[in-house]
Every structure is written in structure tokens, then in C-alpha cells.
Amino acid sequence: MVLVGRRRPGSFLLMVVLLTVRPKPGAAWAAAVWPGGRNTASAVLQVVATPVMTATALTFSLTVVALQPASQQCPPAAARVRPRH
């Protein structure tokens, strides 16, 4: 099952919902949900995003390294991608 090129409507819908929930400056409910300021939010984002990107890059590179020896054992004809009709 190939997932490349398929659209996911759920992620687009989530993006639209999150863009509309942006609080106005000085909103009381926003201060109750997130008491910190922009600098705190930026720091939290950095703390969360850095390990996620590291894990993603490591997973991708290990996958490429694992597939490299496996692809050398296949004949060249088996490695060609044929379009399905």
C-alpha cells in the first residue's frame, strides 16, 4: 500500500480549525489555557520539535541504510517500478 501522493482531508480540516481558534490578544480564556507568553510557547515548541525531527531523520536514515543491502540482492529487473493500469 503506497501512501505517497494521497491527500488526507483530516489534516487539512485540523489546520483550518486550528487557524480559526487563534485567540485575540488579552483573551482571558487564552491566559487560563496557556499562562505563559510567546517566549514560553516558542521554548516549548523547540523542546518538542527538536526530538521529533531527530527521531524522524534517524528513522529515515536507518530505513535507507537497511534497504540499501536488500536492494543489492535483487536483480535489476525487480527493482524497476512499473506503472499500474
Protein backbone atom coordinates (compact mmCIF):
# COMPACT_ATOMS: atom_id res chain seq x y z
CA MET A 1 0.00 0.00 0.00
CA VAL A 2 1.59 3.24 -1.15
CA LEU A 3 0.62 6.42 0.69
CA VAL A 4 2.67 8.82 -1.42
CA GLY A 5 0.53 11.40 -3.18
CA ARG A 6 -2.69 10.66 -1.33
CA ARG A 7 -4.49 13.52 0.31
CA ARG A 8 -5.63 13.40 3.88
CA PRO A 9 -8.70 15.59 4.37
CA GLY A 10 -8.47 15.22 8.15
CA SER A 11 -5.15 17.08 8.35
CA PHE A 12 -6.49 19.93 6.21
CA LEU A 13 -9.60 20.17 8.36
CA LEU A 14 -7.45 20.24 11.52
CA MET A 15 -5.36 23.05 10.06
CA VAL A 16 -8.47 25.11 9.27
CA VAL A 17 -9.89 24.55 12.75
CA LEU A 18 -6.63 25.49 14.48
CA LEU A 19 -6.26 28.65 12.40
CA THR A 20 -9.72 29.81 13.42
CA VAL A 21 -9.11 29.19 17.14
CA ARG A 22 -6.34 31.79 17.35
CA PRO A 23 -7.17 33.90 20.43
CA LYS A 24 -7.29 37.68 20.43
CA PRO A 25 -4.59 39.48 22.44
CA GLY A 26 -5.57 39.70 26.09
CA ALA A 27 -8.27 37.00 25.93
CA ALA A 28 -8.99 35.66 29.42
CA TRP A 29 -9.62 32.08 28.30
CA ALA A 30 -6.29 32.01 26.44
CA ALA A 31 -4.46 33.08 29.60
CA ALA A 32 -6.23 30.31 31.54
CA VAL A 33 -5.31 27.66 28.95
CA TRP A 34 -1.75 28.88 28.33
CA PRO A 35 -0.47 31.14 31.13
CA GLY A 36 2.91 31.72 29.52
CA GLY A 37 3.73 34.25 26.85
CA ARG A 38 5.10 33.93 23.33
CA ASN A 39 8.62 33.21 24.55
CA THR A 40 7.38 30.30 26.65
CA ALA A 41 5.37 28.90 23.75
CA SER A 42 8.42 29.19 21.49
CA ALA A 43 10.58 27.38 24.04
CA VAL A 44 8.05 24.57 24.41
CA LEU A 45 7.82 24.24 20.63
CA GLN A 46 11.60 23.99 20.39
CA VAL A 47 11.73 21.39 23.15
CA VAL A 48 9.07 19.27 21.43
CA ALA A 49 10.03 19.80 17.78
CA THR A 50 13.74 19.07 18.15
CA PRO A 51 13.42 15.45 19.34
CA VAL A 52 10.60 14.79 16.85
CA MET A 53 12.76 15.96 13.95
CA THR A 54 15.73 14.00 15.28
CA ALA A 55 13.68 10.81 15.53
CA THR A 56 12.23 11.36 12.04
CA ALA A 57 15.66 11.90 10.48
CA LEU A 58 17.12 8.90 12.31
CA THR A 59 14.24 6.66 11.23
CA PHE A 60 14.57 7.77 7.61
CA SER A 61 18.34 7.28 7.51
CA LEU A 62 18.14 3.86 9.17
CA THR A 63 15.46 2.81 6.68
CA VAL A 64 17.67 3.85 3.76
CA VAL A 65 20.64 2.03 5.25
CA ALA A 66 18.54 -1.11 5.77
CA LEU A 67 17.11 -1.05 2.25
CA GLN A 68 20.46 -0.50 0.55
CA PRO A 69 21.87 -4.03 1.10
CA ALA A 70 18.48 -5.56 0.42
CA SER A 71 18.22 -3.79 -2.93
CA GLN A 72 21.64 -5.09 -3.98
CA GLN A 73 20.42 -8.68 -3.72
CA CYS A 74 17.51 -8.09 -6.13
CA PRO A 75 18.02 -8.42 -9.86
CA PRO A 76 17.84 -5.12 -11.76
CA ALA A 77 14.53 -6.04 -13.37
CA ALA A 78 12.88 -6.47 -9.97
CA ALA A 79 13.95 -3.01 -8.87
CA ARG A 80 12.20 -1.22 -11.73
CA VAL A 81 8.91 0.38 -10.88
CA ARG A 82 6.19 -0.47 -13.35
CA PRO A 83 3.10 1.74 -13.52
CA ARG A 84 -0.20 0.02 -12.84
CA HIS A 85 -3.02 0.40 -15.33
